[in-house]
Amino acid sequence: MEKTIDYPCVIFKSNANNGVYTVNVPDVNGAVGKDSDEEKSIQNATDDTETILSHSGSYPTPSDLSSIAREFPQAEVRLMSLDLARIVALRKKLNS
């Protein structure tokens, strides 16, 4: 069994909001992270994505990184690796 699943995430930096980074995960509806630090915003998005998926019975198929990059040319796009064991543990905690 795989231990991780990788989803593309889209990173936007807003100069208007004192340099706040917003990270969206297009494949997981509602998954987002924000922070003034880029890595913290990615971690926030990772945590949010894992929480959302722990409430779901399945995982969406990850989109191709290059297709997401073409869709969001004004942003940085990279893969976000999610810990499947953490998602399963969150799911078990919710169901107990």
PDB file of N, CA and C in Angstrom:
ATOM      1  N   MET A   1       0.837  -1.187   0.000  1.00  0.00           N
ATOM      2  CA  MET A   1       0.000   0.000   0.000  1.00  0.00           C
ATOM      3  C   MET A   1       0.886   1.256   0.000  1.00  0.00           C
ATOM      4  N   GLU A   2       0.492   2.221  -0.813  1.00  0.00           N
ATOM      5  CA  GLU A   2       1.236   3.473  -0.846  1.00  0.00           C
ATOM      6  C   GLU A   2       1.107   4.190   0.490  1.00  0.00           C
ATOM      7  N   LYS A   3       2.140   4.925   0.857  1.00  0.00           N
ATOM      8  CA  LYS A   3       2.144   5.643   2.118  1.00  0.00           C
ATOM      9  C   LYS A   3       1.806   7.112   1.953  1.00  0.00           C
ATOM     10  N   THR A   4       1.887   7.600   0.708  1.00  0.00           N
ATOM     11  CA  THR A   4       1.572   8.995   0.437  1.00  0.00           C
ATOM     12  C   THR A   4       0.756   9.094  -0.843  1.00  0.00           C
ATOM     13  N   ILE A   5       0.112  10.236  -0.980  1.00  0.00           N
ATOM     14  CA  ILE A   5      -0.564  10.587  -2.230  1.00  0.00           C
ATOM     15  C   ILE A   5      -0.183  12.031  -2.524  1.00  0.00           C
ATOM     16  N   ASP A   6       0.142  12.316  -3.774  1.00  0.00           N
ATOM     17  CA  ASP A   6       0.612  13.645  -4.166  1.00  0.00           C
ATOM     18  C   ASP A   6      -0.453  14.370  -4.975  1.00  0.00           C
ATOM     19  N   TYR A   7      -0.793  15.575  -4.513  1.00  0.00           N
ATOM     20  CA  TYR A   7      -1.726  16.432  -5.229  1.00  0.00           C
ATOM     21  C   TYR A   7      -1.024  17.720  -5.628  1.00  0.00           C
ATOM     22  N   PRO A   8      -1.346  18.239  -6.804  1.00  0.00           N
ATOM     23  CA  PRO A   8      -0.813  19.548  -7.166  1.00  0.00           C
ATOM     24  C   PRO A   8      -1.433  20.619  -6.271  1.00  0.00           C
ATOM     25  N   CYS A   9      -0.622  21.576  -5.877  1.00  0.00           N
ATOM     26  CA  CYS A   9      -1.145  22.729  -5.157  1.00  0.00           C
ATOM     27  C   CYS A   9      -0.711  23.988  -5.895  1.00  0.00           C
ATOM     28  N   VAL A  10      -1.533  25.018  -5.791  1.00  0.00           N
ATOM     29  CA  VAL A  10      -1.319  26.270  -6.494  1.00  0.00           C
ATOM     30  C   VAL A  10      -1.018  27.336  -5.442  1.00  0.00           C
ATOM     31  N   ILE A  11       0.122  27.998  -5.595  1.00  0.00           N
ATOM     32  CA  ILE A  11       0.584  28.968  -4.604  1.00  0.00           C
ATOM     33  C   ILE A  11       0.515  30.373  -5.193  1.00  0.00           C
ATOM     34  N   PHE A  12      -0.279  31.213  -4.529  1.00  0.00           N
ATOM     35  CA  PHE A  12      -0.418  32.610  -4.930  1.00  0.00           C
ATOM     36  C   PHE A  12       0.195  33.481  -3.837  1.00  0.00           C
ATOM     37  N   LYS A  13       0.918  34.529  -4.231  1.00  0.00           N
ATOM     38  CA  LYS A  13       1.413  35.499  -3.259  1.00  0.00           C
ATOM     39  C   LYS A  13       0.720  36.816  -3.530  1.00  0.00           C
ATOM     40  N   SER A  14       0.084  37.350  -2.495  1.00  0.00           N
ATOM     41  CA  SER A  14      -0.629  38.609  -2.627  1.00  0.00           C
ATOM     42  C   SER A  14       0.227  39.744  -2.090  1.00  0.00           C
ATOM     43  N   ASN A  15       0.624  40.629  -2.957  1.00  0.00           N
ATOM     44  CA  ASN A  15       1.361  41.813  -2.519  1.00  0.00           C
ATOM     45  C   ASN A  15       0.432  42.809  -1.831  1.00  0.00           C
ATOM     46  N   ALA A  16      -0.854  42.736  -2.155  1.00  0.00           N
ATOM     47  CA  ALA A  16      -1.827  43.656  -1.564  1.00  0.00           C
ATOM     48  C   ALA A  16      -2.102  43.337  -0.098  1.00  0.00           C
ATOM     49  N   ASN A  17      -1.922  42.098   0.303  1.00  0.00           N
ATOM     50  CA  ASN A  17      -2.202  41.684   1.687  1.00  0.00           C
ATOM     51  C   ASN A  17      -0.915  41.442   2.466  1.00  0.00           C
ATOM     52  N   ASN A  18       0.047  42.340   2.336  1.00  0.00           N
ATOM     53  CA  ASN A  18       1.319  42.230   3.063  1.00  0.00           C
ATOM     54  C   ASN A  18       2.038  40.918   2.796  1.00  0.00           C
ATOM     55  N   GLY A  19       1.968  40.437   1.573  1.00  0.00           N
ATOM     56  CA  GLY A  19       2.713  39.244   1.208  1.00  0.00           C
ATOM     57  C   GLY A  19       2.153  37.945   1.737  1.00  0.00           C
ATOM     58  N   VAL A  20       0.843  37.837   1.838  1.00  0.00           N
ATOM     59  CA  VAL A  20       0.219  36.600   2.302  1.00  0.00           C
ATOM     60  C   VAL A  20       0.199  35.586   1.166  1.00  0.00           C
ATOM     61  N   TYR A  21       0.601  34.361   1.479  1.00  0.00           N
ATOM     62  CA  TYR A  21       0.549  33.262   0.520  1.00  0.00           C
ATOM     63  C   TYR A  21      -0.765  32.507   0.702  1.00  0.00           C
ATOM     64  N   THR A  22      -1.421  32.233  -0.398  1.00  0.00           N
ATOM     65  CA  THR A  22      -2.625  31.413  -0.395  1.00  0.00           C
ATOM     66  C   THR A  22      -2.335  30.180  -1.238  1.00  0.00           C
ATOM     67  N   VAL A  23      -2.598  29.015  -0.661  1.00  0.00           N
ATOM     68  CA  VAL A  23      -2.348  27.748  -1.338  1.00  0.00           C
ATOM     69  C   VAL A  23      -3.670  27.024  -1.518  1.00  0.00           C
ATOM     70  N   ASN A  24      -3.996  26.703  -2.753  1.00  0.00           N
ATOM     71  CA  ASN A  24      -5.214  25.959  -3.085  1.00  0.00           C
ATOM     72  C   ASN A  24      -4.843  24.584  -3.622  1.00  0.00           C
ATOM     73  N   VAL A  25      -5.724  23.621  -3.367  1.00  0.00           N
ATOM     74  CA  VAL A  25      -5.555  22.273  -3.895  1.00  0.00           C
ATOM     75  C   VAL A  25      -6.746  22.016  -4.817  1.00  0.00           C
ATOM     76  N   PRO A  26      -6.574  22.224  -6.123  1.00  0.00           N
ATOM     77  CA  PRO A  26      -7.706  22.146  -7.049  1.00  0.00           C
ATOM     78  C   PRO A  26      -8.471  20.824  -7.021  1.00  0.00           C
ATOM     79  N   ASP A  27      -7.802  19.723  -6.703  1.00  0.00           N
ATOM     80  CA  ASP A  27      -8.467  18.419  -6.722  1.00  0.00           C
ATOM     81  C   ASP A  27      -9.313  18.139  -5.479  1.00  0.00           C
ATOM     82  N   VAL A  28      -9.137  18.953  -4.442  1.00  0.00           N
ATOM     83  CA  VAL A  28      -9.856  18.726  -3.179  1.00  0.00           C
ATOM     84  C   VAL A  28     -10.639  19.993  -2.861  1.00  0.00           C
ATOM     85  N   ASN A  29     -11.930  19.949  -3.090  1.00  0.00           N
ATOM     86  CA  ASN A  29     -12.798  21.107  -2.921  1.00  0.00           C
ATOM     87  C   ASN A  29     -12.696  21.672  -1.504  1.00  0.00           C
ATOM     88  N   GLY A  30     -12.357  22.951  -1.420  1.00  0.00           N
ATOM     89  CA  GLY A  30     -12.302  23.635  -0.135  1.00  0.00           C
ATOM     90  C   GLY A  30     -10.953  23.600   0.555  1.00  0.00           C
ATOM     91  N   ALA A  31      -9.993  22.866   0.024  1.00  0.00           N
ATOM     92  CA  ALA A  31      -8.679  22.767   0.669  1.00  0.00           C
ATOM     93  C   ALA A  31      -7.866  24.019   0.373  1.00  0.00           C
ATOM     94  N   VAL A  32      -7.469  24.707   1.438  1.00  0.00           N
ATOM     95  CA  VAL A  32      -6.741  25.961   1.290  1.00  0.00           C
ATOM     96  C   VAL A  32      -5.862  26.186   2.515  1.00  0.00           C
ATOM     97  N   GLY A  33      -4.795  26.918   2.324  1.00  0.00           N
ATOM     98  CA  GLY A  33      -3.934  27.342   3.426  1.00  0.00           C
ATOM     99  C   GLY A  33      -3.470  28.759   3.177  1.00  0.00           C
ATOM    100  N   LYS A  34      -3.347  29.536   4.263  1.00  0.00           N
ATOM    101  CA  LYS A  34      -2.876  30.923   4.146  1.00  0.00           C
ATOM    102  C   LYS A  34      -1.902  31.202   5.275  1.00  0.00           C
ATOM    103  N   ASP A  35      -0.891  31.987   4.941  1.00  0.00           N
ATOM    104  CA  ASP A  35       0.068  32.438   5.947  1.00  0.00           C
ATOM    105  C   ASP A  35       1.004  33.430   5.277  1.00  0.00           C
ATOM    106  N   SER A  36       1.705  34.213   6.084  1.00  0.00           N
ATOM    107  CA  SER A  36       2.693  35.147   5.533  1.00  0.00           C
ATOM    108  C   SER A  36       3.987  34.423   5.168  1.00  0.00           C
ATOM    109  N   ASP A  37       4.133  33.182   5.623  1.00  0.00           N
ATOM    110  CA  ASP A  37       5.281  32.350   5.298  1.00  0.00           C
ATOM    111  C   ASP A  37       4.842  31.284   4.283  1.00  0.00           C
ATOM    112  N   GLU A  38       5.560  31.171   3.178  1.00  0.00           N
ATOM    113  CA  GLU A  38       5.158  30.244   2.114  1.00  0.00           C
ATOM    114  C   GLU A  38       5.079  28.800   2.605  1.00  0.00           C
ATOM    115  N   GLU A  39       6.091  28.339   3.311  1.00  0.00           N
ATOM    116  CA  GLU A  39       6.093  26.943   3.771  1.00  0.00           C
ATOM    117  C   GLU A  39       4.981  26.681   4.790  1.00  0.00           C
ATOM    118  N   LYS A  40       4.687  27.658   5.644  1.00  0.00           N
ATOM    119  CA  LYS A  40       3.583  27.489   6.595  1.00  0.00           C
ATOM    120  C   LYS A  40       2.239  27.451   5.873  1.00  0.00           C
ATOM    121  N   SER A  41       2.110  28.237   4.825  1.00  0.00           N
ATOM    122  CA  SER A  41       0.853  28.212   4.067  1.00  0.00           C
ATOM    123  C   SER A  41       0.671  26.860   3.385  1.00  0.00           C
ATOM    124  N   ILE A  42       1.771  26.269   2.909  1.00  0.00           N
ATOM    125  CA  ILE A  42       1.697  24.936   2.296  1.00  0.00           C
ATOM    126  C   ILE A  42       1.344  23.900   3.361  1.00  0.00           C
ATOM    127  N   GLN A  43       1.941  24.006   4.541  1.00  0.00           N
ATOM    128  CA  GLN A  43       1.615  23.068   5.619  1.00  0.00           C
ATOM    129  C   GLN A  43       0.159  23.211   6.046  1.00  0.00           C
ATOM    130  N   ASN A  44      -0.330  24.450   6.115  1.00  0.00           N
ATOM    131  CA  ASN A  44      -1.746  24.673   6.452  1.00  0.00           C
ATOM    132  C   ASN A  44      -2.661  24.031   5.414  1.00  0.00           C
ATOM    133  N   ALA A  45      -2.299  24.164   4.141  1.00  0.00           N
ATOM    134  CA  ALA A  45      -3.094  23.546   3.069  1.00  0.00           C
ATOM    135  C   ALA A  45      -3.020  22.025   3.160  1.00  0.00           C
ATOM    136  N   THR A  46      -1.849  21.495   3.497  1.00  0.00           N
ATOM    137  CA  THR A  46      -1.693  20.047   3.660  1.00  0.00           C
ATOM    138  C   THR A  46      -2.583  19.540   4.785  1.00  0.00           C
ATOM    139  N   ASP A  47      -2.536  20.231   5.925  1.00  0.00           N
ATOM    140  CA  ASP A  47      -3.370  19.835   7.066  1.00  0.00           C
ATOM    141  C   ASP A  47      -4.853  19.897   6.711  1.00  0.00           C
ATOM    142  N   ASP A  48      -5.253  20.971   6.026  1.00  0.00           N
ATOM    143  CA  ASP A  48      -6.655  21.134   5.632  1.00  0.00           C
ATOM    144  C   ASP A  48      -7.077  20.038   4.664  1.00  0.00           C
ATOM    145  N   THR A  49      -6.216  19.721   3.707  1.00  0.00           N
ATOM    146  CA  THR A  49      -6.520  18.676   2.727  1.00  0.00           C
ATOM    147  C   THR A  49      -6.660  17.323   3.408  1.00  0.00           C
ATOM    148  N   GLU A  50      -5.750  17.005   4.321  1.00  0.00           N
ATOM    149  CA  GLU A  50      -5.823  15.725   5.038  1.00  0.00           C
ATOM    150  C   GLU A  50      -7.099  15.641   5.868  1.00  0.00           C
ATOM    151  N   THR A  51      -7.494  16.748   6.492  1.00  0.00           N
ATOM    152  CA  THR A  51      -8.731  16.763   7.275  1.00  0.00           C
ATOM    153  C   THR A  51      -9.943  16.544   6.387  1.00  0.00           C
ATOM    154  N   ILE A  52      -9.992  17.237   5.251  1.00  0.00           N
ATOM    155  CA  ILE A  52     -11.113  17.071   4.316  1.00  0.00           C
ATOM    156  C   ILE A  52     -11.191  15.627   3.829  1.00  0.00           C
ATOM    157  N   LEU A  53     -10.051  15.057   3.451  1.00  0.00           N
ATOM    158  CA  LEU A  53     -10.041  13.685   2.941  1.00  0.00           C
ATOM    159  C   LEU A  53     -10.379  12.670   4.032  1.00  0.00           C
ATOM    160  N   SER A  54     -10.099  12.996   5.291  1.00  0.00           N
ATOM    161  CA  SER A  54     -10.436  12.072   6.370  1.00  0.00           C
ATOM    162  C   SER A  54     -11.950  11.960   6.552  1.00  0.00           C
ATOM    163  N   HIS A  55     -12.686  12.964   6.101  1.00  0.00           N
ATOM    164  CA  HIS A  55     -14.151  12.935   6.159  1.00  0.00           C
ATOM    165  C   HIS A  55     -14.766  12.248   4.943  1.00  0.00           C
ATOM    166  N   SER A  56     -13.932  11.978   3.949  1.00  0.00           N
ATOM    167  CA  SER A  56     -14.398  11.401   2.695  1.00  0.00           C
ATOM    168  C   SER A  56     -14.144   9.899   2.674  1.00  0.00           C
ATOM    169  N   GLY A  57     -14.909   9.208   1.889  1.00  0.00           N
ATOM    170  CA  GLY A  57     -14.713   7.770   1.761  1.00  0.00           C
ATOM    171  C   GLY A  57     -13.706   7.392   0.695  1.00  0.00           C
ATOM    172  N   SER A  58     -13.280   8.381  -0.094  1.00  0.00           N
ATOM    173  CA  SER A  58     -12.334   8.089  -1.171  1.00  0.00           C
ATOM    174  C   SER A  58     -11.447   9.301  -1.409  1.00  0.00           C
ATOM    175  N   TYR A  59     -10.436   9.097  -2.238  1.00  0.00           N
ATOM    176  CA  TYR A  59      -9.510  10.174  -2.576  1.00  0.00           C
ATOM    177  C   TYR A  59      -9.670  10.503  -4.050  1.00  0.00           C
ATOM    178  N   PRO A  60      -9.806  11.787  -4.382  1.00  0.00           N
ATOM    179  CA  PRO A  60      -9.871  12.144  -5.799  1.00  0.00           C
ATOM    180  C   PRO A  60      -8.565  11.778  -6.505  1.00  0.00           C
ATOM    181  N   THR A  61      -8.677  11.446  -7.763  1.00  0.00           N
ATOM    182  CA  THR A  61      -7.489  11.171  -8.559  1.00  0.00           C
ATOM    183  C   THR A  61      -6.725  12.474  -8.747  1.00  0.00           C
ATOM    184  N   PRO A  62      -5.434  12.495  -8.414  1.00  0.00           N
ATOM    185  CA  PRO A  62      -4.656  13.720  -8.592  1.00  0.00           C
ATOM    186  C   PRO A  62      -4.562  14.127 -10.059  1.00  0.00           C
ATOM    187  N   SER A  63      -4.690  15.413 -10.297  1.00  0.00           N
ATOM    188  CA  SER A  63      -4.523  15.952 -11.645  1.00  0.00           C
ATOM    189  C   SER A  63      -3.056  15.937 -12.032  1.00  0.00           C
ATOM    190  N   ASP A  64      -2.826  16.011 -13.322  1.00  0.00           N
ATOM    191  CA  ASP A  64      -1.477  16.111 -13.854  1.00  0.00           C
ATOM    192  C   ASP A  64      -0.918  17.491 -13.515  1.00  0.00           C
ATOM    193  N   LEU A  65       0.286  17.519 -12.975  1.00  0.00           N
ATOM    194  CA  LEU A  65       0.920  18.768 -12.553  1.00  0.00           C
ATOM    195  C   LEU A  65       1.007  19.775 -13.699  1.00  0.00           C
ATOM    196  N   SER A  66       1.379  19.318 -14.877  1.00  0.00           N
ATOM    197  CA  SER A  66       1.535  20.247 -16.005  1.00  0.00           C
ATOM    198  C   SER A  66       0.200  20.845 -16.439  1.00  0.00           C
ATOM    199  N   SER A  67      -0.893  20.081 -16.338  1.00  0.00           N
ATOM    200  CA  SER A  67      -2.196  20.645 -16.718  1.00  0.00           C
ATOM    201  C   SER A  67      -2.638  21.713 -15.712  1.00  0.00           C
ATOM    202  N   ILE A  68      -2.345  21.507 -14.436  1.00  0.00           N
ATOM    203  CA  ILE A  68      -2.665  22.524 -13.427  1.00  0.00           C
ATOM    204  C   ILE A  68      -1.790  23.760 -13.644  1.00  0.00           C
ATOM    205  N   ALA A  69      -0.527  23.560 -13.977  1.00  0.00           N
ATOM    206  CA  ALA A  69       0.368  24.695 -14.244  1.00  0.00           C
ATOM    207  C   ALA A  69      -0.125  25.519 -15.432  1.00  0.00           C
ATOM    208  N   ARG A  70      -0.641  24.856 -16.459  1.00  0.00           N
ATOM    209  CA  ARG A  70      -1.193  25.582 -17.613  1.00  0.00           C
ATOM    210  C   ARG A  70      -2.465  26.338 -17.222  1.00  0.00           C
ATOM    211  N   GLU A  71      -3.235  25.783 -16.312  1.00  0.00           N
ATOM    212  CA  GLU A  71      -4.477  26.419 -15.875  1.00  0.00           C
ATOM    213  C   GLU A  71      -4.214  27.654 -15.007  1.00  0.00           C
ATOM    214  N   PHE A  72      -3.087  27.648 -14.284  1.00  0.00           N
ATOM    215  CA  PHE A  72      -2.749  28.749 -13.378  1.00  0.00           C
ATOM    216  C   PHE A  72      -1.351  29.295 -13.712  1.00  0.00           C
ATOM    217  N   PRO A  73      -1.185  29.920 -14.884  1.00  0.00           N
ATOM    218  CA  PRO A  73       0.147  30.372 -15.292  1.00  0.00           C
ATOM    219  C   PRO A  73       0.713  31.493 -14.413  1.00  0.00           C
ATOM    220  N   GLN A  74      -0.137  32.195 -13.689  1.00  0.00           N
ATOM    221  CA  GLN A  74       0.304  33.310 -12.856  1.00  0.00           C
ATOM    222  C   GLN A  74       0.760  32.868 -11.464  1.00  0.00           C
ATOM    223  N   ALA A  75       0.704  31.572 -11.184  1.00  0.00           N
ATOM    224  CA  ALA A  75       1.033  31.069  -9.854  1.00  0.00           C
ATOM    225  C   ALA A  75       2.128  30.011  -9.930  1.00  0.00           C
ATOM    226  N   GLU A  76       2.703  29.722  -8.768  1.00  0.00           N
ATOM    227  CA  GLU A  76       3.637  28.604  -8.657  1.00  0.00           C
ATOM    228  C   GLU A  76       2.812  27.341  -8.414  1.00  0.00           C
ATOM    229  N   VAL A  77       3.146  26.277  -9.098  1.00  0.00           N
ATOM    230  CA  VAL A  77       2.436  25.013  -8.933  1.00  0.00           C
ATOM    231  C   VAL A  77       3.462  23.944  -8.588  1.00  0.00           C
ATOM    232  N   ARG A  78       3.166  23.187  -7.531  1.00  0.00           N
ATOM    233  CA  ARG A  78       4.060  22.088  -7.141  1.00  0.00           C
ATOM    234  C   ARG A  78       3.241  20.971  -6.520  1.00  0.00           C
ATOM    235  N   LEU A  79       3.880  19.836  -6.316  1.00  0.00           N
ATOM    236  CA  LEU A  79       3.197  18.702  -5.692  1.00  0.00           C
ATOM    237  C   LEU A  79       3.241  18.818  -4.181  1.00  0.00           C
ATOM    238  N   MET A  80       2.136  18.449  -3.565  1.00  0.00           N
ATOM    239  CA  MET A  80       1.995  18.387  -2.116  1.00  0.00           C
ATOM    240  C   MET A  80       1.809  16.920  -1.757  1.00  0.00           C
ATOM    241  N   SER A  81       2.645  16.404  -0.892  1.00  0.00           N
ATOM    242  CA  SER A  81       2.588  15.002  -0.507  1.00  0.00           C
ATOM    243  C   SER A  81       1.786  14.849   0.774  1.00  0.00           C
ATOM    244  N   LEU A  82       0.751  14.007   0.735  1.00  0.00           N
ATOM    245  CA  LEU A  82      -0.105  13.775   1.898  1.00  0.00           C
ATOM    246  C   LEU A  82       0.191  12.413   2.500  1.00  0.00           C
ATOM    247  N   ASP A  83       0.166  12.344   3.808  1.00  0.00           N
ATOM    248  CA  ASP A  83       0.435  11.125   4.562  1.00  0.00           C
ATOM    249  C   ASP A  83      -0.874  10.330   4.703  1.00  0.00           C
ATOM    250  N   LEU A  84      -0.974   9.217   3.981  1.00  0.00           N
ATOM    251  CA  LEU A  84      -2.206   8.413   4.021  1.00  0.00           C
ATOM    252  C   LEU A  84      -2.464   7.834   5.408  1.00  0.00           C
ATOM    253  N   ALA A  85      -1.411   7.485   6.138  1.00  0.00           N
ATOM    254  CA  ALA A  85      -1.595   6.955   7.494  1.00  0.00           C
ATOM    255  C   ALA A  85      -2.222   8.012   8.396  1.00  0.00           C
ATOM    256  N   ARG A  86      -1.826   9.256   8.224  1.00  0.00           N
ATOM    257  CA  ARG A  86      -2.416  10.335   9.031  1.00  0.00           C
ATOM    258  C   ARG A  86      -3.892  10.522   8.686  1.00  0.00           C
ATOM    259  N   ILE A  87      -4.212  10.436   7.408  1.00  0.00           N
ATOM    260  CA  ILE A  87      -5.610  10.573   6.984  1.00  0.00           C
ATOM    261  C   ILE A  87      -6.447   9.448   7.586  1.00  0.00           C
ATOM    262  N   VAL A  88      -5.946   8.226   7.532  1.00  0.00           N
ATOM    263  CA  VAL A  88      -6.666   7.080   8.102  1.00  0.00           C
ATOM    264  C   VAL A  88      -6.823   7.254   9.609  1.00  0.00           C
ATOM    265  N   ALA A  89      -5.787   7.726  10.287  1.00  0.00           N
ATOM    266  CA  ALA A  89      -5.866   7.949  11.737  1.00  0.00           C
ATOM    267  C   ALA A  89      -6.892   9.016  12.078  1.00  0.00           C
ATOM    268  N   LEU A  90      -6.936  10.080  11.292  1.00  0.00           N
ATOM    269  CA  LEU A  90      -7.953  11.122  11.502  1.00  0.00           C
ATOM    270  C   LEU A  90      -9.349  10.552  11.297  1.00  0.00           C
ATOM    271  N   ARG A  91      -9.515   9.708  10.273  1.00  0.00           N
ATOM    272  CA  ARG A  91     -10.811   9.094   9.987  1.00  0.00           C
ATOM    273  C   ARG A  91     -11.245   8.211  11.152  1.00  0.00           C
ATOM    274  N   LYS A  92     -10.315   7.409  11.669  1.00  0.00           N
ATOM    275  CA  LYS A  92     -10.643   6.525  12.804  1.00  0.00           C
ATOM    276  C   LYS A  92     -11.044   7.336  14.025  1.00  0.00           C
ATOM    277  N   LYS A  93     -10.338   8.447  14.238  1.00  0.00           N
ATOM    278  CA  LYS A  93     -10.652   9.314  15.389  1.00  0.00           C
ATOM    279  C   LYS A  93     -12.052   9.897  15.245  1.00  0.00           C
ATOM    280  N   LEU A  94     -12.420  10.275  14.033  1.00  0.00           N
ATOM    281  CA  LEU A  94     -13.759  10.824  13.780  1.00  0.00           C
ATOM    282  C   LEU A  94     -14.849   9.784  14.014  1.00  0.00           C
ATOM    283  N   ASN A  95     -14.546   8.533  13.708  1.00  0.00           N
ATOM    284  CA  ASN A  95     -15.549   7.476  13.795  1.00  0.00           C
ATOM    285  C   ASN A  95     -15.602   6.810  15.163  1.00  0.00           C
ATOM    286  N   SER A  96     -14.746   7.216  16.079  1.00  0.00           N
ATOM    287  CA  SER A  96     -14.765   6.573  17.409  1.00  0.00           C
ATOM    288  C   SER A  96     -15.640   7.311  18.394  1.00  0.00           C
TER     289      SER A  96
END
